[in-house]
Amino acid sequence: MIFLSKIYVKYKSGISDPESINILSALDKLGFNNAKNLSTGKFFELTIESKDLKSAKNEIKEICNQLLTNPVIEQYSFDVYEFNQ
């Protein structure tokens, strides 16, 4: 079976995010004064072949932990869908 995963990665709470700080500052300078908080992150779409949904989820977790994230400072979540071409 083929599965499509949408993976979202962002900094853990309490970790400084310099990019979001700079963006918030720029928004304020551009007059967007209502923007009060911003979090940046990464987004991945991964297509994976696996025997079932449970196996696909387990493999995606391993991929996230070993390559796509730094578990010390980042957290992730993902959705998995059966992919029908």
C-alpha atoms as a PDB file:
ATOM      1  CA  MET A   1       0.000   0.000   0.000  1.00  0.00           C
ATOM      2  CA  ILE A   2       1.079   3.572  -0.650  1.00  0.00           C
ATOM      3  CA  PHE A   3       0.668   6.236   2.032  1.00  0.00           C
ATOM      4  CA  LEU A   4       1.094  10.008   1.969  1.00  0.00           C
ATOM      5  CA  SER A   5       2.372  11.649   5.118  1.00  0.00           C
ATOM      6  CA  LYS A   6       2.299  15.347   5.936  1.00  0.00           C
ATOM      7  CA  ILE A   7       4.935  16.080   8.566  1.00  0.00           C
ATOM      8  CA  TYR A   8       5.062  19.310  10.588  1.00  0.00           C
ATOM      9  CA  VAL A   9       8.209  20.269  12.539  1.00  0.00           C
ATOM     10  CA  LYS A  10       8.618  23.220  14.892  1.00  0.00           C
ATOM     11  CA  TYR A  11      10.759  24.297  17.814  1.00  0.00           C
ATOM     12  CA  LYS A  12       9.833  23.007  21.245  1.00  0.00           C
ATOM     13  CA  SER A  13       8.309  25.460  23.687  1.00  0.00           C
ATOM     14  CA  GLY A  14      11.008  27.570  25.323  1.00  0.00           C
ATOM     15  CA  ILE A  15      13.502  27.241  22.460  1.00  0.00           C
ATOM     16  CA  SER A  16      14.524  30.560  20.926  1.00  0.00           C
ATOM     17  CA  ASP A  17      13.382  30.968  17.309  1.00  0.00           C
ATOM     18  CA  PRO A  18      15.417  33.841  15.811  1.00  0.00           C
ATOM     19  CA  GLU A  19      13.647  33.671  12.456  1.00  0.00           C
ATOM     20  CA  SER A  20      10.217  34.213  14.004  1.00  0.00           C
ATOM     21  CA  ILE A  21      11.578  37.079  16.126  1.00  0.00           C
ATOM     22  CA  ASN A  22      12.898  38.790  12.984  1.00  0.00           C
ATOM     23  CA  ILE A  23       9.646  38.238  11.106  1.00  0.00           C
ATOM     24  CA  LEU A  24       7.588  39.665  13.983  1.00  0.00           C
ATOM     25  CA  SER A  25       9.857  42.701  14.071  1.00  0.00           C
ATOM     26  CA  ALA A  26       9.474  43.202  10.318  1.00  0.00           C
ATOM     27  CA  LEU A  27       5.693  42.846  10.568  1.00  0.00           C
ATOM     28  CA  ASP A  28       5.619  45.536  13.243  1.00  0.00           C
ATOM     29  CA  LYS A  29       7.754  47.868  11.093  1.00  0.00           C
ATOM     30  CA  LEU A  30       5.380  47.294   8.181  1.00  0.00           C
ATOM     31  CA  GLY A  31       2.437  48.336  10.343  1.00  0.00           C
ATOM     32  CA  PHE A  32       1.031  44.905  11.135  1.00  0.00           C
ATOM     33  CA  ASN A  33       0.813  45.700  14.837  1.00  0.00           C
ATOM     34  CA  ASN A  34      -1.778  43.028  15.613  1.00  0.00           C
ATOM     35  CA  ALA A  35       0.702  40.179  15.029  1.00  0.00           C
ATOM     36  CA  LYS A  36       1.755  39.146  18.539  1.00  0.00           C
ATOM     37  CA  ASN A  37       3.226  35.664  18.221  1.00  0.00           C
ATOM     38  CA  LEU A  38       4.752  33.630  15.425  1.00  0.00           C
ATOM     39  CA  SER A  39       6.251  30.184  15.163  1.00  0.00           C
ATOM     40  CA  THR A  40       8.317  29.029  12.214  1.00  0.00           C
ATOM     41  CA  GLY A  41       8.845  25.445  11.213  1.00  0.00           C
ATOM     42  CA  LYS A  42       9.314  22.958   8.427  1.00  0.00           C
ATOM     43  CA  PHE A  43       6.804  20.989   6.390  1.00  0.00           C
ATOM     44  CA  PHE A  44       7.470  17.715   4.580  1.00  0.00           C
ATOM     45  CA  GLU A  45       5.317  15.545   2.329  1.00  0.00           C
ATOM     46  CA  LEU A  46       6.538  11.974   2.242  1.00  0.00           C
ATOM     47  CA  THR A  47       5.116   9.152   0.156  1.00  0.00           C
ATOM     48  CA  ILE A  48       5.898   5.755   1.606  1.00  0.00           C
ATOM     49  CA  GLU A  49       5.142   2.163   0.681  1.00  0.00           C
ATOM     50  CA  SER A  50       4.183  -0.067   3.600  1.00  0.00           C
ATOM     51  CA  LYS A  51       2.100  -3.167   4.301  1.00  0.00           C
ATOM     52  CA  ASP A  52      -0.405  -1.295   6.497  1.00  0.00           C
ATOM     53  CA  LEU A  53      -1.117   2.016   8.252  1.00  0.00           C
ATOM     54  CA  LYS A  54       0.482   0.982  11.558  1.00  0.00           C
ATOM     55  CA  SER A  55       3.752   0.011   9.856  1.00  0.00           C
ATOM     56  CA  ALA A  56       3.742   3.241   7.851  1.00  0.00           C
ATOM     57  CA  LYS A  57       3.301   5.321  11.022  1.00  0.00           C
ATOM     58  CA  ASN A  58       6.128   3.485  12.777  1.00  0.00           C
ATOM     59  CA  GLU A  59       8.496   4.037   9.866  1.00  0.00           C
ATOM     60  CA  ILE A  60       7.571   7.723   9.615  1.00  0.00           C
ATOM     61  CA  LYS A  61       8.298   8.146  13.341  1.00  0.00           C
ATOM     62  CA  GLU A  62      11.737   6.612  12.826  1.00  0.00           C
ATOM     63  CA  ILE A  63      12.415   8.873   9.833  1.00  0.00           C
ATOM     64  CA  CYS A  64      11.423  11.930  11.872  1.00  0.00           C
ATOM     65  CA  ASN A  65      13.530  10.926  14.866  1.00  0.00           C
ATOM     66  CA  GLN A  66      16.616   9.960  12.878  1.00  0.00           C
ATOM     67  CA  LEU A  67      16.691  12.536  10.074  1.00  0.00           C
ATOM     68  CA  LEU A  68      13.967  15.170   9.784  1.00  0.00           C
ATOM     69  CA  THR A  69      14.137  16.604  13.301  1.00  0.00           C
ATOM     70  CA  ASN A  70      16.564  17.422  16.051  1.00  0.00           C
ATOM     71  CA  PRO A  71      14.692  15.815  18.974  1.00  0.00           C
ATOM     72  CA  VAL A  72      16.567  17.975  21.489  1.00  0.00           C
ATOM     73  CA  ILE A  73      15.065  21.252  20.226  1.00  0.00           C
ATOM     74  CA  GLU A  74      12.268  20.287  17.817  1.00  0.00           C
ATOM     75  CA  GLN A  75       8.945  18.517  17.988  1.00  0.00           C
ATOM     76  CA  TYR A  76       6.921  17.019  15.186  1.00  0.00           C
ATOM     77  CA  SER A  77       3.489  15.773  14.307  1.00  0.00           C
ATOM     78  CA  PHE A  78       2.216  14.085  11.207  1.00  0.00           C
ATOM     79  CA  ASP A  79      -0.889  12.909   9.394  1.00  0.00           C
ATOM     80  CA  VAL A  80      -0.941   9.819   7.211  1.00  0.00           C
ATOM     81  CA  TYR A  81      -3.403   9.081   4.423  1.00  0.00           C
ATOM     82  CA  GLU A  82      -3.787   6.163   2.097  1.00  0.00           C
ATOM     83  CA  PHE A  83      -2.570   7.460  -1.243  1.00  0.00           C
ATOM     84  CA  ASN A  84      -4.672   6.661  -4.283  1.00  0.00           C
ATOM     85  CA  GLN A  85      -2.945   7.846  -7.420  1.00  0.00           C
END
